[in-house]
């Protein structure tokens, strides 16, 4: 599911044995046209969820999860990234968790987003041993101690706009991508840029080294070019980073790539990828929800 272990992270270039991956359920609940400054309500839009099929039994696990949620909530008032491990006084497995807000959020927006996403663990995943919920403005994950992790560059989710960019769009997009890669290589774990009519941003997990962040974003760019081709917008989420881009042929809206009919994803497709096992994806297509069972293995 791409949930990091409660241990010092190993190099993101070292993938685990695929046979160890738990079977997870991924549901695409909402596709937004870009990840950028916009109305506060957009910060809480659900992008995807990932839930382990295994369930955590016993009151000790629930106590540990409650303690974890309380700890993360307290830190969200002052931090945009925080991770910790908690355990129950009744014993049982320790629980690891973290949250991260988008780098351009204010402290109040970050706290509000985390306040929204944490309760979704139970409402969307029930008593799963691990869960990851991604909103537009933040994400949060938890897992029991010892839960297997995937490679940091494993693709978890992607969505690509419909149609194709106009004129020299791909050249403009590639230039924006180059600026993203230069920005994170220079030490920025969150970086937003615009070039001509393309708005793009990238963000890495808060404790990644500069070199690992640069490698992760580079991988996300490559996957975006392969998965989305000439699509005018796209989002690619890897385990340790994500990128987003939108093309606005009539000019980037004030405040960044806010939702716009010129660069939106209306009619585009979103899908989960990168997990071993069966995935149930709900994909908006032509304004209709179509359920399909996907067999996915490896990096997709």
C-alpha atoms as a PDB file:
ATOM      1  CA  UNK A   1       0.000   0.000   0.000  1.00  0.00           C
ATOM      2  CA  UNK A   2       3.008   2.149   0.127  1.00  0.00           C
ATOM      3  CA  UNK A   3       2.835   2.769   3.847  1.00  0.00           C
ATOM      4  CA  UNK A   4       6.332   3.320   5.276  1.00  0.00           C
ATOM      5  CA  UNK A   5       7.543   1.061   8.056  1.00  0.00           C
ATOM      6  CA  UNK A   6       8.107   2.286  11.567  1.00  0.00           C
ATOM      7  CA  UNK A   7      11.825   1.943  11.101  1.00  0.00           C
ATOM      8  CA  UNK A   8      14.514   4.151   9.528  1.00  0.00           C
ATOM      9  CA  UNK A   9      13.661   4.217   5.813  1.00  0.00           C
ATOM     10  CA  UNK A  10      15.804   2.117   3.542  1.00  0.00           C
ATOM     11  CA  UNK A  11      16.983   3.583   0.207  1.00  0.00           C
ATOM     12  CA  UNK A  12      13.994   4.211  -2.017  1.00  0.00           C
ATOM     13  CA  UNK A  13      15.700   2.470  -4.899  1.00  0.00           C
ATOM     14  CA  UNK A  14      15.538  -0.895  -3.119  1.00  0.00           C
ATOM     15  CA  UNK A  15      12.137  -2.552  -3.743  1.00  0.00           C
ATOM     16  CA  UNK A  16      10.811  -5.290  -1.463  1.00  0.00           C
ATOM     17  CA  UNK A  17       9.879  -8.789  -2.501  1.00  0.00           C
ATOM     18  CA  UNK A  18       6.532  -8.463  -4.327  1.00  0.00           C
ATOM     19  CA  UNK A  19       5.177 -11.636  -2.691  1.00  0.00           C
ATOM     20  CA  UNK A  20       5.236  -9.885   0.680  1.00  0.00           C
ATOM     21  CA  UNK A  21       2.836  -7.139  -0.412  1.00  0.00           C
ATOM     22  CA  UNK A  22      -0.511  -7.325   1.383  1.00  0.00           C
ATOM     23  CA  UNK A  23      -3.631  -7.236  -0.773  1.00  0.00           C
ATOM     24  CA  UNK A  24      -5.112  -3.775  -0.603  1.00  0.00           C
ATOM     25  CA  UNK A  25      -8.254  -2.097  -1.816  1.00  0.00           C
ATOM     26  CA  UNK A  26      -7.858   1.215  -3.635  1.00  0.00           C
ATOM     27  CA  UNK A  27     -10.856   3.381  -4.400  1.00  0.00           C
ATOM     28  CA  UNK A  28     -10.769   6.483  -6.546  1.00  0.00           C
ATOM     29  CA  UNK A  29     -13.402   8.691  -4.990  1.00  0.00           C
ATOM     30  CA  UNK A  30     -12.752  12.075  -6.571  1.00  0.00           C
ATOM     31  CA  UNK A  31     -10.545  13.482  -9.305  1.00  0.00           C
ATOM     32  CA  UNK A  32      -9.548  17.105  -9.060  1.00  0.00           C
ATOM     33  CA  UNK A  33      -8.127  19.044 -11.983  1.00  0.00           C
ATOM     34  CA  UNK A  34      -4.933  20.165 -10.290  1.00  0.00           C
ATOM     35  CA  UNK A  35      -3.291  20.361  -6.915  1.00  0.00           C
ATOM     36  CA  UNK A  36      -2.717  24.021  -6.343  1.00  0.00           C
ATOM     37  CA  UNK A  37      -3.990  26.980  -4.309  1.00  0.00           C
ATOM     38  CA  UNK A  38      -7.777  26.985  -4.501  1.00  0.00           C
ATOM     39  CA  UNK A  39     -10.901  27.262  -2.398  1.00  0.00           C
ATOM     40  CA  UNK A  40     -10.634  25.780   1.085  1.00  0.00           C
ATOM     41  CA  UNK A  41     -13.303  23.187   0.312  1.00  0.00           C
ATOM     42  CA  UNK A  42     -11.100  21.708  -2.409  1.00  0.00           C
ATOM     43  CA  UNK A  43      -8.441  20.897   0.180  1.00  0.00           C
ATOM     44  CA  UNK A  44     -10.676  18.176   1.580  1.00  0.00           C
ATOM     45  CA  UNK A  45     -11.509  16.432  -1.706  1.00  0.00           C
ATOM     46  CA  UNK A  46     -10.709  12.714  -1.514  1.00  0.00           C
ATOM     47  CA  UNK A  47      -8.160  11.644  -4.111  1.00  0.00           C
ATOM     48  CA  UNK A  48      -7.699   7.989  -3.155  1.00  0.00           C
ATOM     49  CA  UNK A  49      -7.658   5.602  -0.245  1.00  0.00           C
ATOM     50  CA  UNK A  50      -5.711   2.403   0.342  1.00  0.00           C
ATOM     51  CA  UNK A  51      -6.797  -0.102   2.995  1.00  0.00           C
ATOM     52  CA  UNK A  52      -5.118  -3.344   4.018  1.00  0.00           C
ATOM     53  CA  UNK A  53      -7.418  -6.355   3.830  1.00  0.00           C
ATOM     54  CA  UNK A  54      -6.083  -7.653   7.141  1.00  0.00           C
ATOM     55  CA  UNK A  55      -7.888  -6.345  10.213  1.00  0.00           C
ATOM     56  CA  UNK A  56      -6.471  -5.415  13.600  1.00  0.00           C
ATOM     57  CA  UNK A  57      -8.305  -7.280  16.324  1.00  0.00           C
ATOM     58  CA  UNK A  58      -8.599  -6.489  20.000  1.00  0.00           C
ATOM     59  CA  UNK A  59      -8.982  -3.373  22.061  1.00  0.00           C
ATOM     60  CA  UNK A  60      -5.223  -2.817  22.360  1.00  0.00           C
ATOM     61  CA  UNK A  61      -4.932  -2.005  18.654  1.00  0.00           C
ATOM     62  CA  UNK A  62      -7.821   0.424  18.814  1.00  0.00           C
ATOM     63  CA  UNK A  63      -6.302   2.106  21.871  1.00  0.00           C
ATOM     64  CA  UNK A  64      -2.964   2.451  20.078  1.00  0.00           C
ATOM     65  CA  UNK A  65      -4.691   3.927  17.023  1.00  0.00           C
ATOM     66  CA  UNK A  66      -6.635   6.371  19.184  1.00  0.00           C
ATOM     67  CA  UNK A  67      -3.407   7.462  20.891  1.00  0.00           C
ATOM     68  CA  UNK A  68      -1.732   7.856  17.500  1.00  0.00           C
ATOM     69  CA  UNK A  69      -4.603   9.952  16.177  1.00  0.00           C
ATOM     70  CA  UNK A  70      -4.462  12.195  19.241  1.00  0.00           C
ATOM     71  CA  UNK A  71      -0.712  12.700  18.886  1.00  0.00           C
ATOM     72  CA  UNK A  72      -0.926  13.565  15.195  1.00  0.00           C
ATOM     73  CA  UNK A  73      -3.826  15.942  15.756  1.00  0.00           C
ATOM     74  CA  UNK A  74      -1.871  17.844  18.400  1.00  0.00           C
ATOM     75  CA  UNK A  75       1.149  18.255  16.118  1.00  0.00           C
ATOM     76  CA  UNK A  76      -0.902  19.449  13.127  1.00  0.00           C
ATOM     77  CA  UNK A  77      -1.290  22.895  14.703  1.00  0.00           C
ATOM     78  CA  UNK A  78       2.426  23.592  14.386  1.00  0.00           C
ATOM     79  CA  UNK A  79       3.861  21.184  11.792  1.00  0.00           C
ATOM     80  CA  UNK A  80       3.159  20.294   8.172  1.00  0.00           C
ATOM     81  CA  UNK A  81       4.835  16.897   8.492  1.00  0.00           C
ATOM     82  CA  UNK A  82       5.003  14.668  11.530  1.00  0.00           C
ATOM     83  CA  UNK A  83       5.442  10.962  12.194  1.00  0.00           C
ATOM     84  CA  UNK A  84       5.438   8.970  15.381  1.00  0.00           C
ATOM     85  CA  UNK A  85       4.878   5.534  16.906  1.00  0.00           C
ATOM     86  CA  UNK A  86       2.489   4.816  19.751  1.00  0.00           C
ATOM     87  CA  UNK A  87       1.439   1.739  21.690  1.00  0.00           C
ATOM     88  CA  UNK A  88      -1.380   0.756  24.007  1.00  0.00           C
ATOM     89  CA  UNK A  89      -1.003   0.435  27.743  1.00  0.00           C
ATOM     90  CA  UNK A  90      -2.689  -2.946  27.296  1.00  0.00           C
ATOM     91  CA  UNK A  91       0.184  -4.158  25.142  1.00  0.00           C
ATOM     92  CA  UNK A  92      -0.122  -5.428  21.589  1.00  0.00           C
ATOM     93  CA  UNK A  93       1.604  -4.189  18.446  1.00  0.00           C
ATOM     94  CA  UNK A  94       2.893  -0.645  18.225  1.00  0.00           C
ATOM     95  CA  UNK A  95       1.233   1.663  15.709  1.00  0.00           C
ATOM     96  CA  UNK A  96       3.177   3.918  13.340  1.00  0.00           C
ATOM     97  CA  UNK A  97       1.610   6.895  11.602  1.00  0.00           C
ATOM     98  CA  UNK A  98       2.269  10.191   9.892  1.00  0.00           C
ATOM     99  CA  UNK A  99       0.604  13.119   8.192  1.00  0.00           C
ATOM    100  CA  UNK A 100       1.836  15.613   5.653  1.00  0.00           C
ATOM    101  CA  UNK A 101       0.221  18.778   4.356  1.00  0.00           C
ATOM    102  CA  UNK A 102       0.817  20.366   0.995  1.00  0.00           C
ATOM    103  CA  UNK A 103       3.743  22.711   1.277  1.00  0.00           C
ATOM    104  CA  UNK A 104       1.855  25.904   0.437  1.00  0.00           C
ATOM    105  CA  UNK A 105      -0.902  25.481   3.037  1.00  0.00           C
ATOM    106  CA  UNK A 106      -1.200  27.889   5.936  1.00  0.00           C
ATOM    107  CA  UNK A 107      -0.933  26.503   9.461  1.00  0.00           C
ATOM    108  CA  UNK A 108      -4.682  26.796   9.955  1.00  0.00           C
ATOM    109  CA  UNK A 109      -5.499  25.083   6.651  1.00  0.00           C
ATOM    110  CA  UNK A 110      -3.041  22.297   7.428  1.00  0.00           C
ATOM    111  CA  UNK A 111      -4.535  21.715  10.853  1.00  0.00           C
ATOM    112  CA  UNK A 112      -8.049  21.711   9.396  1.00  0.00           C
ATOM    113  CA  UNK A 113      -7.062  19.260   6.647  1.00  0.00           C
ATOM    114  CA  UNK A 114      -5.453  16.850   9.099  1.00  0.00           C
ATOM    115  CA  UNK A 115      -8.540  17.150  11.269  1.00  0.00           C
ATOM    116  CA  UNK A 116     -10.584  15.968   8.294  1.00  0.00           C
ATOM    117  CA  UNK A 117      -8.335  13.170   7.067  1.00  0.00           C
ATOM    118  CA  UNK A 118      -7.602  11.324  10.333  1.00  0.00           C
ATOM    119  CA  UNK A 119     -11.210  10.240  11.020  1.00  0.00           C
ATOM    120  CA  UNK A 120     -11.338   8.873   7.475  1.00  0.00           C
ATOM    121  CA  UNK A 121      -9.012   6.051   8.474  1.00  0.00           C
ATOM    122  CA  UNK A 122     -11.812   4.307  10.305  1.00  0.00           C
ATOM    123  CA  UNK A 123     -14.725   5.566   8.219  1.00  0.00           C
ATOM    124  CA  UNK A 124     -13.145   4.408   4.955  1.00  0.00           C
ATOM    125  CA  UNK A 125     -10.999   1.466   6.049  1.00  0.00           C
ATOM    126  CA  UNK A 126     -12.591   0.161   9.239  1.00  0.00           C
ATOM    127  CA  UNK A 127     -10.258  -1.800  11.564  1.00  0.00           C
ATOM    128  CA  UNK A 128      -7.585  -2.403   8.905  1.00  0.00           C
ATOM    129  CA  UNK A 129      -4.014  -2.995  10.064  1.00  0.00           C
ATOM    130  CA  UNK A 130      -2.873  -0.246   7.687  1.00  0.00           C
ATOM    131  CA  UNK A 131      -4.510   2.619   5.818  1.00  0.00           C
ATOM    132  CA  UNK A 132      -3.543   5.588   3.684  1.00  0.00           C
ATOM    133  CA  UNK A 133      -5.934   8.394   2.774  1.00  0.00           C
ATOM    134  CA  UNK A 134      -4.977  11.177   0.367  1.00  0.00           C
ATOM    135  CA  UNK A 135      -6.918  14.429   0.204  1.00  0.00           C
ATOM    136  CA  UNK A 136      -6.061  17.353  -2.048  1.00  0.00           C
ATOM    137  CA  UNK A 137      -4.412  19.270   0.767  1.00  0.00           C
ATOM    138  CA  UNK A 138      -2.921  16.533   2.925  1.00  0.00           C
ATOM    139  CA  UNK A 139      -2.586  12.828   3.516  1.00  0.00           C
ATOM    140  CA  UNK A 140      -2.242  10.555   6.522  1.00  0.00           C
ATOM    141  CA  UNK A 141      -1.296   6.929   6.986  1.00  0.00           C
ATOM    142  CA  UNK A 142      -0.884   4.387   9.736  1.00  0.00           C
ATOM    143  CA  UNK A 143       0.253   0.798  10.016  1.00  0.00           C
ATOM    144  CA  UNK A 144       0.932  -1.782  12.682  1.00  0.00           C
ATOM    145  CA  UNK A 145       4.580  -2.392  13.480  1.00  0.00           C
ATOM    146  CA  UNK A 146       6.225  -4.721  10.992  1.00  0.00           C
ATOM    147  CA  UNK A 147       3.810  -4.035   8.137  1.00  0.00           C
ATOM    148  CA  UNK A 148       5.640  -4.550   4.799  1.00  0.00           C
ATOM    149  CA  UNK A 149       6.590  -1.458   2.854  1.00  0.00           C
ATOM    150  CA  UNK A 150       6.942  -0.918  -0.866  1.00  0.00           C
ATOM    151  CA  UNK A 151       9.635   0.925  -2.751  1.00  0.00           C
ATOM    152  CA  UNK A 152       9.561   4.690  -2.300  1.00  0.00           C
ATOM    153  CA  UNK A 153       9.165   5.093  -6.061  1.00  0.00           C
ATOM    154  CA  UNK A 154       6.288   2.638  -6.341  1.00  0.00           C
ATOM    155  CA  UNK A 155       3.338   4.252  -8.120  1.00  0.00           C
ATOM    156  CA  UNK A 156       0.215   4.273  -5.951  1.00  0.00           C
ATOM    157  CA  UNK A 157      -2.185   6.299  -8.053  1.00  0.00           C
ATOM    158  CA  UNK A 158      -2.401   8.342 -11.223  1.00  0.00           C
ATOM    159  CA  UNK A 159      -4.944  10.422 -13.062  1.00  0.00           C
ATOM    160  CA  UNK A 160      -4.558  11.932 -16.518  1.00  0.00           C
ATOM    161  CA  UNK A 161      -6.615  14.571 -18.280  1.00  0.00           C
ATOM    162  CA  UNK A 162      -8.531  13.786 -21.441  1.00  0.00           C
ATOM    163  CA  UNK A 163      -7.508  14.863 -24.899  1.00  0.00           C
ATOM    164  CA  UNK A 164      -4.145  16.330 -25.775  1.00  0.00           C
ATOM    165  CA  UNK A 165      -2.307  19.585 -25.274  1.00  0.00           C
ATOM    166  CA  UNK A 166      -2.213  22.109 -28.044  1.00  0.00           C
ATOM    167  CA  UNK A 167       0.691  23.290 -30.113  1.00  0.00           C
ATOM    168  CA  UNK A 168       4.016  22.976 -28.357  1.00  0.00           C
ATOM    169  CA  UNK A 169       2.410  21.884 -25.071  1.00  0.00           C
ATOM    170  CA  UNK A 170       4.755  18.942 -24.477  1.00  0.00           C
ATOM    171  CA  UNK A 171       7.818  21.165 -24.824  1.00  0.00           C
ATOM    172  CA  UNK A 172       6.356  23.588 -22.276  1.00  0.00           C
ATOM    173  CA  UNK A 173       5.422  20.736 -19.936  1.00  0.00           C
ATOM    174  CA  UNK A 174       8.880  19.195 -20.166  1.00  0.00           C
ATOM    175  CA  UNK A 175      10.445  22.563 -19.351  1.00  0.00           C
ATOM    176  CA  UNK A 176       8.201  22.874 -16.289  1.00  0.00           C
ATOM    177  CA  UNK A 177       9.169  19.325 -15.288  1.00  0.00           C
ATOM    178  CA  UNK A 178      12.859  20.241 -15.600  1.00  0.00           C
ATOM    179  CA  UNK A 179      12.273  23.199 -13.294  1.00  0.00           C
ATOM    180  CA  UNK A 180      10.567  20.918 -10.776  1.00  0.00           C
ATOM    181  CA  UNK A 181      13.481  18.520 -10.784  1.00  0.00           C
ATOM    182  CA  UNK A 182      15.953  21.377 -10.406  1.00  0.00           C
ATOM    183  CA  UNK A 183      13.954  22.810  -7.522  1.00  0.00           C
ATOM    184  CA  UNK A 184      13.861  19.618  -5.460  1.00  0.00           C
ATOM    185  CA  UNK A 185      17.476  18.832  -6.320  1.00  0.00           C
ATOM    186  CA  UNK A 186      18.294  22.193  -4.746  1.00  0.00           C
ATOM    187  CA  UNK A 187      16.805  21.095  -1.434  1.00  0.00           C
ATOM    188  CA  UNK A 188      13.121  22.075  -1.672  1.00  0.00           C
ATOM    189  CA  UNK A 189      10.838  19.244  -0.550  1.00  0.00           C
ATOM    190  CA  UNK A 190       7.892  21.225  -1.962  1.00  0.00           C
ATOM    191  CA  UNK A 191       8.298  23.127  -5.208  1.00  0.00           C
ATOM    192  CA  UNK A 192       5.774  24.804  -7.500  1.00  0.00           C
ATOM    193  CA  UNK A 193       6.563  26.455 -10.811  1.00  0.00           C
ATOM    194  CA  UNK A 194       4.990  27.700 -14.011  1.00  0.00           C
ATOM    195  CA  UNK A 195       6.366  27.921 -17.488  1.00  0.00           C
ATOM    196  CA  UNK A 196       4.419  29.518 -20.319  1.00  0.00           C
ATOM    197  CA  UNK A 197       0.938  28.020 -19.816  1.00  0.00           C
ATOM    198  CA  UNK A 198       1.920  25.043 -17.664  1.00  0.00           C
ATOM    199  CA  UNK A 199       1.607  25.005 -13.871  1.00  0.00           C
ATOM    200  CA  UNK A 200       3.371  22.180 -12.032  1.00  0.00           C
ATOM    201  CA  UNK A 201       4.313  21.203  -8.518  1.00  0.00           C
ATOM    202  CA  UNK A 202       6.114  18.430  -6.698  1.00  0.00           C
ATOM    203  CA  UNK A 203       6.328  17.378  -3.076  1.00  0.00           C
ATOM    204  CA  UNK A 204       8.354  14.738  -1.271  1.00  0.00           C
ATOM    205  CA  UNK A 205       7.709  13.107   2.075  1.00  0.00           C
ATOM    206  CA  UNK A 206       9.050  15.405   4.742  1.00  0.00           C
ATOM    207  CA  UNK A 207      12.040  13.390   5.935  1.00  0.00           C
ATOM    208  CA  UNK A 208      13.421  12.284   2.574  1.00  0.00           C
ATOM    209  CA  UNK A 209      17.010  13.271   1.863  1.00  0.00           C
ATOM    210  CA  UNK A 210      17.561  15.744  -0.959  1.00  0.00           C
ATOM    211  CA  UNK A 211      19.025  13.038  -3.187  1.00  0.00           C
ATOM    212  CA  UNK A 212      16.162  10.615  -2.528  1.00  0.00           C
ATOM    213  CA  UNK A 213      13.631  13.371  -3.111  1.00  0.00           C
ATOM    214  CA  UNK A 214      15.261  14.283  -6.411  1.00  0.00           C
ATOM    215  CA  UNK A 215      15.265  10.637  -7.493  1.00  0.00           C
ATOM    216  CA  UNK A 216      11.625  10.166  -6.503  1.00  0.00           C
ATOM    217  CA  UNK A 217      10.470  13.242  -8.421  1.00  0.00           C
ATOM    218  CA  UNK A 218      12.536  12.179 -11.416  1.00  0.00           C
ATOM    219  CA  UNK A 219      10.758   8.817 -11.361  1.00  0.00           C
ATOM    220  CA  UNK A 220       7.372  10.532 -11.038  1.00  0.00           C
ATOM    221  CA  UNK A 221       8.137  12.717 -14.051  1.00  0.00           C
ATOM    222  CA  UNK A 222       9.113   9.682 -16.113  1.00  0.00           C
ATOM    223  CA  UNK A 223       5.973   7.795 -15.087  1.00  0.00           C
ATOM    224  CA  UNK A 224       3.838  10.826 -15.878  1.00  0.00           C
ATOM    225  CA  UNK A 225       5.277  11.068 -19.378  1.00  0.00           C
ATOM    226  CA  UNK A 226       4.632   7.371 -19.961  1.00  0.00           C
ATOM    227  CA  UNK A 227       1.244   7.068 -18.254  1.00  0.00           C
ATOM    228  CA  UNK A 228      -0.289  10.368 -19.357  1.00  0.00           C
ATOM    229  CA  UNK A 229       1.481  10.925 -22.671  1.00  0.00           C
ATOM    230  CA  UNK A 230       0.299  14.190 -24.183  1.00  0.00           C
ATOM    231  CA  UNK A 231      -2.611  14.668 -21.746  1.00  0.00           C
ATOM    232  CA  UNK A 232      -3.045  18.345 -20.788  1.00  0.00           C
ATOM    233  CA  UNK A 233      -3.011  17.577 -17.058  1.00  0.00           C
ATOM    234  CA  UNK A 234      -2.016  14.810 -14.731  1.00  0.00           C
ATOM    235  CA  UNK A 235      -1.175  13.728 -11.220  1.00  0.00           C
ATOM    236  CA  UNK A 236       1.168  10.892 -10.307  1.00  0.00           C
ATOM    237  CA  UNK A 237       1.469   9.705  -6.710  1.00  0.00           C
ATOM    238  CA  UNK A 238       4.429   7.558  -5.728  1.00  0.00           C
ATOM    239  CA  UNK A 239       4.921   6.215  -2.229  1.00  0.00           C
ATOM    240  CA  UNK A 240       7.325   8.988  -1.198  1.00  0.00           C
ATOM    241  CA  UNK A 241       6.427  11.874  -3.526  1.00  0.00           C
ATOM    242  CA  UNK A 242       3.957  13.158  -6.080  1.00  0.00           C
ATOM    243  CA  UNK A 243       3.800  15.572  -8.987  1.00  0.00           C
ATOM    244  CA  UNK A 244       0.926  17.437 -10.592  1.00  0.00           C
ATOM    245  CA  UNK A 245       0.699  19.534 -13.729  1.00  0.00           C
ATOM    246  CA  UNK A 246      -1.979  21.398 -15.694  1.00  0.00           C
ATOM    247  CA  UNK A 247      -1.920  23.174 -19.042  1.00  0.00           C
ATOM    248  CA  UNK A 248      -3.836  26.445 -19.397  1.00  0.00           C
ATOM    249  CA  UNK A 249      -3.649  27.611 -23.027  1.00  0.00           C
ATOM    250  CA  UNK A 250      -5.409  30.893 -22.125  1.00  0.00           C
ATOM    251  CA  UNK A 251      -3.140  31.629 -19.201  1.00  0.00           C
ATOM    252  CA  UNK A 252      -2.646  30.249 -15.698  1.00  0.00           C
ATOM    253  CA  UNK A 253      -5.417  31.433 -13.333  1.00  0.00           C
ATOM    254  CA  UNK A 254      -4.562  33.875 -10.586  1.00  0.00           C
ATOM    255  CA  UNK A 255      -3.120  32.082  -7.557  1.00  0.00           C
ATOM    256  CA  UNK A 256      -1.709  29.167  -9.511  1.00  0.00           C
ATOM    257  CA  UNK A 257      -3.384  26.315 -11.325  1.00  0.00           C
ATOM    258  CA  UNK A 258      -6.806  26.559  -9.765  1.00  0.00           C
ATOM    259  CA  UNK A 259      -9.628  24.571 -11.271  1.00  0.00           C
ATOM    260  CA  UNK A 260     -10.344  25.728 -14.792  1.00  0.00           C
ATOM    261  CA  UNK A 261     -12.040  24.346 -17.861  1.00  0.00           C
ATOM    262  CA  UNK A 262      -8.885  25.056 -19.835  1.00  0.00           C
ATOM    263  CA  UNK A 263      -6.650  22.776 -17.820  1.00  0.00           C
ATOM    264  CA  UNK A 264      -9.046  20.465 -16.046  1.00  0.00           C
ATOM    265  CA  UNK A 265      -9.318  16.717 -15.915  1.00  0.00           C
ATOM    266  CA  UNK A 266     -12.990  16.533 -16.856  1.00  0.00           C
ATOM    267  CA  UNK A 267     -13.552  13.213 -18.532  1.00  0.00           C
ATOM    268  CA  UNK A 268     -10.082  11.997 -17.638  1.00  0.00           C
ATOM    269  CA  UNK A 269      -9.297   8.666 -16.050  1.00  0.00           C
ATOM    270  CA  UNK A 270      -7.853   7.836 -12.678  1.00  0.00           C
ATOM    271  CA  UNK A 271      -6.542   4.470 -11.593  1.00  0.00           C
ATOM    272  CA  UNK A 272      -4.625   2.783  -8.854  1.00  0.00           C
ATOM    273  CA  UNK A 273      -1.364   1.085  -9.648  1.00  0.00           C
ATOM    274  CA  UNK A 274       1.656  -0.401  -7.999  1.00  0.00           C
ATOM    275  CA  UNK A 275       0.056  -2.896  -5.617  1.00  0.00           C
ATOM    276  CA  UNK A 276       0.211  -6.652  -5.904  1.00  0.00           C
ATOM    277  CA  UNK A 277      -3.108  -8.448  -5.868  1.00  0.00           C
ATOM    278  CA  UNK A 278      -6.629  -7.424  -6.806  1.00  0.00           C
ATOM    279  CA  UNK A 279      -7.688  -3.781  -6.784  1.00  0.00           C
ATOM    280  CA  UNK A 280     -11.216  -2.482  -6.966  1.00  0.00           C
ATOM    281  CA  UNK A 281     -11.056   0.895  -8.678  1.00  0.00           C
ATOM    282  CA  UNK A 282     -13.959   3.270  -9.114  1.00  0.00           C
ATOM    283  CA  UNK A 283     -13.094   5.434 -12.088  1.00  0.00           C
ATOM    284  CA  UNK A 284     -15.149   8.390 -13.323  1.00  0.00           C
ATOM    285  CA  UNK A 285     -15.464   8.020 -17.069  1.00  0.00           C
ATOM    286  CA  UNK A 286     -17.777  10.138 -19.207  1.00  0.00           C
ATOM    287  CA  UNK A 287     -19.443  11.263 -15.962  1.00  0.00           C
ATOM    288  CA  UNK A 288     -20.386   7.683 -15.080  1.00  0.00           C
ATOM    289  CA  UNK A 289     -18.843   5.515 -12.362  1.00  0.00           C
ATOM    290  CA  UNK A 290     -17.706   2.205 -13.793  1.00  0.00           C
ATOM    291  CA  UNK A 291     -16.422  -0.485 -11.488  1.00  0.00           C
ATOM    292  CA  UNK A 292     -13.729  -2.770 -12.738  1.00  0.00           C
ATOM    293  CA  UNK A 293     -11.491  -5.357 -11.130  1.00  0.00           C
ATOM    294  CA  UNK A 294      -7.862  -4.816 -11.984  1.00  0.00           C
ATOM    295  CA  UNK A 295      -5.007  -7.260 -11.729  1.00  0.00           C
ATOM    296  CA  UNK A 296      -1.939  -5.242 -10.860  1.00  0.00           C
ATOM    297  CA  UNK A 297       1.598  -6.273 -10.075  1.00  0.00           C
ATOM    298  CA  UNK A 298       4.914  -4.467 -10.014  1.00  0.00           C
ATOM    299  CA  UNK A 299       5.270  -0.795 -10.907  1.00  0.00           C
ATOM    300  CA  UNK A 300       2.438  -0.752 -13.449  1.00  0.00           C
END
